[in-house]
Amino acid sequence: MDAWAYLYSGQYEAAYTAVEPIAEGAVAALVPHTPVEVHLVQAETALHADDLEAGRAALADALALGEAIGVVVPSRWPGV
C-alpha cells in the first residue's frame, strides 16, 4: 500500500524501494496478487525513469503472474 501511495504522490524512487524487499524475496507476500502488484509498481517506476525496457519487462512479468493466478481483466478493455 505504501508503494501505491508513493506512486500517486510522485515519489517514484520511494515506491520502488517499498516493493524491493518483496521483489527480492526478503519479505513474504501475504496474498497471491501481491507479486503482481510489485511488478506493476516496478513497471510504473521504470516508465517514469524513461527505462522502457525495464517497464515492459516488469509489465510482462505482472501479466504472466496474473494469468497464472487467474486475475480477471475487466471486459471493457478491448483486445484483452
N, C-alpha and C. Protein backbone atom coordinates (compact mmCIF):
# COMPACT_ATOMS: atom_id res chain seq x y z
N MET A 1 0.82 -1.19 0.00
CA MET A 1 0.00 0.00 0.00
C MET A 1 0.87 1.26 0.00
N ASP A 2 1.97 1.21 0.74
CA ASP A 2 2.86 2.37 0.76
C ASP A 2 3.36 2.70 -0.64
N ALA A 3 3.70 1.65 -1.39
CA ALA A 3 4.23 1.88 -2.73
C ALA A 3 3.23 2.61 -3.61
N TRP A 4 1.95 2.22 -3.55
CA TRP A 4 0.93 2.91 -4.35
C TRP A 4 0.79 4.36 -3.91
N ALA A 5 0.83 4.60 -2.61
CA ALA A 5 0.74 5.98 -2.11
C ALA A 5 1.92 6.80 -2.61
N TYR A 6 3.10 6.21 -2.59
CA TYR A 6 4.28 6.92 -3.11
C TYR A 6 4.12 7.21 -4.61
N LEU A 7 3.62 6.23 -5.36
CA LEU A 7 3.42 6.45 -6.79
C LEU A 7 2.48 7.62 -7.05
N TYR A 8 1.35 7.61 -6.36
CA TYR A 8 0.35 8.64 -6.60
C TYR A 8 0.81 10.03 -6.17
N SER A 9 1.81 10.07 -5.28
CA SER A 9 2.34 11.38 -4.87
C SER A 9 3.60 11.75 -5.64
N GLY A 10 3.95 10.94 -6.65
CA GLY A 10 5.10 11.25 -7.49
C GLY A 10 6.44 10.88 -6.89
N GLN A 11 6.45 10.09 -5.83
CA GLN A 11 7.70 9.66 -5.19
C GLN A 11 8.10 8.28 -5.73
N TYR A 12 8.60 8.26 -6.95
CA TYR A 12 8.84 7.02 -7.67
C TYR A 12 9.96 6.19 -7.07
N GLU A 13 11.02 6.82 -6.62
CA GLU A 13 12.11 6.06 -6.00
C GLU A 13 11.65 5.42 -4.70
N ALA A 14 10.86 6.14 -3.93
CA ALA A 14 10.32 5.58 -2.67
C ALA A 14 9.40 4.40 -2.96
N ALA A 15 8.61 4.49 -4.03
CA ALA A 15 7.72 3.40 -4.41
C ALA A 15 8.52 2.16 -4.77
N TYR A 16 9.57 2.36 -5.55
CA TYR A 16 10.41 1.23 -5.95
C TYR A 16 11.07 0.60 -4.73
N THR A 17 11.57 1.44 -3.84
CA THR A 17 12.22 0.96 -2.63
C THR A 17 11.23 0.20 -1.74
N ALA A 18 9.99 0.63 -1.71
CA ALA A 18 8.98 -0.01 -0.86
C ALA A 18 8.69 -1.44 -1.29
N VAL A 19 8.77 -1.74 -2.59
CA VAL A 19 8.48 -3.10 -3.06
C VAL A 19 9.71 -3.97 -3.18
N GLU A 20 10.88 -3.38 -3.08
CA GLU A 20 12.12 -4.13 -3.26
C GLU A 20 12.24 -5.36 -2.36
N PRO A 21 11.94 -5.27 -1.06
CA PRO A 21 12.08 -6.46 -0.22
C PRO A 21 11.18 -7.62 -0.66
N ILE A 22 10.01 -7.32 -1.19
CA ILE A 22 9.13 -8.37 -1.68
C ILE A 22 9.67 -8.93 -2.98
N ALA A 23 10.13 -8.05 -3.86
CA ALA A 23 10.67 -8.49 -5.15
C ALA A 23 11.89 -9.38 -4.97
N GLU A 24 12.69 -9.09 -3.97
CA GLU A 24 13.91 -9.86 -3.72
C GLU A 24 13.66 -11.12 -2.90
N GLY A 25 12.45 -11.28 -2.39
CA GLY A 25 12.12 -12.45 -1.60
C GLY A 25 12.49 -12.33 -0.13
N ALA A 26 12.91 -11.15 0.30
CA ALA A 26 13.27 -10.94 1.70
C ALA A 26 12.04 -10.84 2.59
N VAL A 27 10.91 -10.47 1.99
CA VAL A 27 9.64 -10.37 2.71
C VAL A 27 8.63 -11.22 1.95
N ALA A 28 7.94 -12.07 2.67
CA ALA A 28 6.95 -12.94 2.03
C ALA A 28 5.69 -12.17 1.68
N ALA A 29 5.12 -12.51 0.54
CA ALA A 29 3.84 -11.93 0.14
C ALA A 29 2.73 -12.65 0.89
N LEU A 30 1.81 -11.89 1.46
CA LEU A 30 0.74 -12.49 2.25
C LEU A 30 -0.47 -12.90 1.42
N VAL A 31 -0.65 -12.26 0.28
CA VAL A 31 -1.77 -12.61 -0.60
C VAL A 31 -1.22 -12.87 -2.01
N PRO A 32 -1.88 -13.74 -2.77
CA PRO A 32 -1.35 -14.15 -4.07
C PRO A 32 -1.14 -13.02 -5.08
N HIS A 33 -1.93 -11.95 -5.00
CA HIS A 33 -1.80 -10.90 -6.01
C HIS A 33 -0.69 -9.89 -5.68
N THR A 34 -0.08 -9.98 -4.52
CA THR A 34 0.97 -9.03 -4.15
C THR A 34 2.14 -9.03 -5.15
N PRO A 35 2.66 -10.19 -5.56
CA PRO A 35 3.75 -10.15 -6.55
C PRO A 35 3.35 -9.47 -7.86
N VAL A 36 2.08 -9.61 -8.24
CA VAL A 36 1.60 -8.92 -9.45
C VAL A 36 1.71 -7.41 -9.24
N GLU A 37 1.26 -6.95 -8.09
CA GLU A 37 1.33 -5.52 -7.79
C GLU A 37 2.76 -5.02 -7.71
N VAL A 38 3.65 -5.85 -7.18
CA VAL A 38 5.07 -5.48 -7.12
C VAL A 38 5.58 -5.19 -8.52
N HIS A 39 5.28 -6.08 -9.46
CA HIS A 39 5.74 -5.86 -10.84
C HIS A 39 5.08 -4.65 -11.47
N LEU A 40 3.82 -4.39 -11.13
CA LEU A 40 3.16 -3.20 -11.67
C LEU A 40 3.80 -1.92 -11.13
N VAL A 41 4.15 -1.92 -9.87
CA VAL A 41 4.85 -0.76 -9.30
C VAL A 41 6.21 -0.59 -9.97
N GLN A 42 6.92 -1.70 -10.17
CA GLN A 42 8.21 -1.63 -10.84
C GLN A 42 8.06 -1.12 -12.27
N ALA A 43 7.01 -1.54 -12.95
CA ALA A 43 6.78 -1.07 -14.32
C ALA A 43 6.54 0.43 -14.33
N GLU A 44 5.69 0.89 -13.44
CA GLU A 44 5.37 2.32 -13.38
C GLU A 44 6.61 3.16 -13.06
N THR A 45 7.40 2.69 -12.10
CA THR A 45 8.59 3.47 -11.73
C THR A 45 9.61 3.46 -12.86
N ALA A 46 9.73 2.34 -13.56
CA ALA A 46 10.66 2.28 -14.69
C ALA A 46 10.23 3.23 -15.80
N LEU A 47 8.95 3.28 -16.08
CA LEU A 47 8.45 4.17 -17.13
C LEU A 47 8.69 5.64 -16.78
N HIS A 48 8.53 5.98 -15.51
CA HIS A 48 8.80 7.36 -15.10
C HIS A 48 10.29 7.69 -15.12
N ALA A 49 11.12 6.66 -15.10
CA ALA A 49 12.57 6.86 -15.21
C ALA A 49 13.03 6.76 -16.66
N ASP A 50 12.07 6.69 -17.59
CA ASP A 50 12.33 6.55 -19.02
C ASP A 50 13.10 5.28 -19.35
N ASP A 51 12.91 4.24 -18.57
CA ASP A 51 13.52 2.94 -18.84
C ASP A 51 12.43 2.03 -19.40
N LEU A 52 12.16 2.21 -20.69
CA LEU A 52 11.06 1.49 -21.33
C LEU A 52 11.27 -0.02 -21.31
N GLU A 53 12.50 -0.45 -21.47
CA GLU A 53 12.79 -1.88 -21.49
C GLU A 53 12.44 -2.52 -20.14
N ALA A 54 12.88 -1.91 -19.06
CA ALA A 54 12.56 -2.44 -17.73
C ALA A 54 11.07 -2.35 -17.46
N GLY A 55 10.42 -1.28 -17.91
CA GLY A 55 8.99 -1.14 -17.72
C GLY A 55 8.21 -2.22 -18.44
N ARG A 56 8.60 -2.49 -19.66
CA ARG A 56 7.92 -3.55 -20.43
C ARG A 56 8.15 -4.92 -19.80
N ALA A 57 9.37 -5.16 -19.34
CA ALA A 57 9.69 -6.45 -18.72
C ALA A 57 8.88 -6.64 -17.44
N ALA A 58 8.78 -5.60 -16.63
CA ALA A 58 8.02 -5.69 -15.38
C ALA A 58 6.54 -5.89 -15.67
N LEU A 59 6.02 -5.22 -16.70
CA LEU A 59 4.62 -5.39 -17.08
C LEU A 59 4.37 -6.81 -17.57
N ALA A 60 5.28 -7.33 -18.38
CA ALA A 60 5.15 -8.70 -18.87
C ALA A 60 5.15 -9.69 -17.71
N ASP A 61 6.01 -9.45 -16.73
CA ASP A 61 6.04 -10.31 -15.54
C ASP A 61 4.73 -10.23 -14.77
N ALA A 62 4.19 -9.03 -14.62
CA ALA A 62 2.93 -8.85 -13.92
C ALA A 62 1.80 -9.58 -14.64
N LEU A 63 1.76 -9.47 -15.94
CA LEU A 63 0.71 -10.13 -16.72
C LEU A 63 0.83 -11.65 -16.62
N ALA A 64 2.05 -12.16 -16.69
CA ALA A 64 2.26 -13.61 -16.60
C ALA A 64 1.87 -14.13 -15.22
N LEU A 65 2.27 -13.43 -14.17
CA LEU A 65 1.89 -13.85 -12.82
C LEU A 65 0.38 -13.75 -12.61
N GLY A 66 -0.20 -12.68 -13.14
CA GLY A 66 -1.64 -12.51 -13.01
C GLY A 66 -2.41 -13.61 -13.70
N GLU A 67 -1.96 -13.97 -14.88
CA GLU A 67 -2.62 -15.05 -15.61
C GLU A 67 -2.49 -16.36 -14.85
N ALA A 68 -1.32 -16.60 -14.27
CA ALA A 68 -1.08 -17.84 -13.54
C ALA A 68 -1.99 -18.01 -12.32
N ILE A 69 -2.37 -16.90 -11.71
CA ILE A 69 -3.24 -17.00 -10.52
C ILE A 69 -4.69 -16.65 -10.83
N GLY A 70 -4.99 -16.43 -12.10
CA GLY A 70 -6.37 -16.22 -12.51
C GLY A 70 -6.93 -14.83 -12.27
N VAL A 71 -6.06 -13.82 -12.34
CA VAL A 71 -6.53 -12.45 -12.18
C VAL A 71 -7.47 -12.13 -13.34
N VAL A 72 -8.59 -11.55 -13.03
CA VAL A 72 -9.59 -11.22 -14.04
C VAL A 72 -9.31 -9.83 -14.59
N VAL A 73 -9.35 -9.71 -15.91
CA VAL A 73 -9.16 -8.43 -16.59
C VAL A 73 -10.54 -7.89 -16.94
N PRO A 74 -10.79 -6.62 -16.63
CA PRO A 74 -12.10 -6.04 -16.97
C PRO A 74 -12.41 -6.21 -18.45
N SER A 75 -13.64 -6.59 -18.75
CA SER A 75 -14.03 -6.85 -20.15
C SER A 75 -14.11 -5.59 -20.98
N ARG A 76 -14.06 -4.42 -20.36
CA ARG A 76 -14.16 -3.19 -21.14
C ARG A 76 -12.86 -2.86 -21.87
N TRP A 77 -11.82 -3.62 -21.60
CA TRP A 77 -10.54 -3.40 -22.27
C TRP A 77 -10.54 -4.18 -23.58
N PRO A 78 -10.66 -3.50 -24.70
CA PRO A 78 -10.71 -4.20 -25.98
C PRO A 78 -9.41 -4.95 -26.27
N GLY A 79 -9.56 -6.12 -26.83
CA GLY A 79 -8.41 -6.90 -27.23
C GLY A 79 -7.74 -7.67 -26.12
N VAL A 80 -8.28 -7.61 -24.92
CA VAL A 80 -7.64 -8.33 -23.82
C VAL A 80 -8.50 -9.50 -23.43
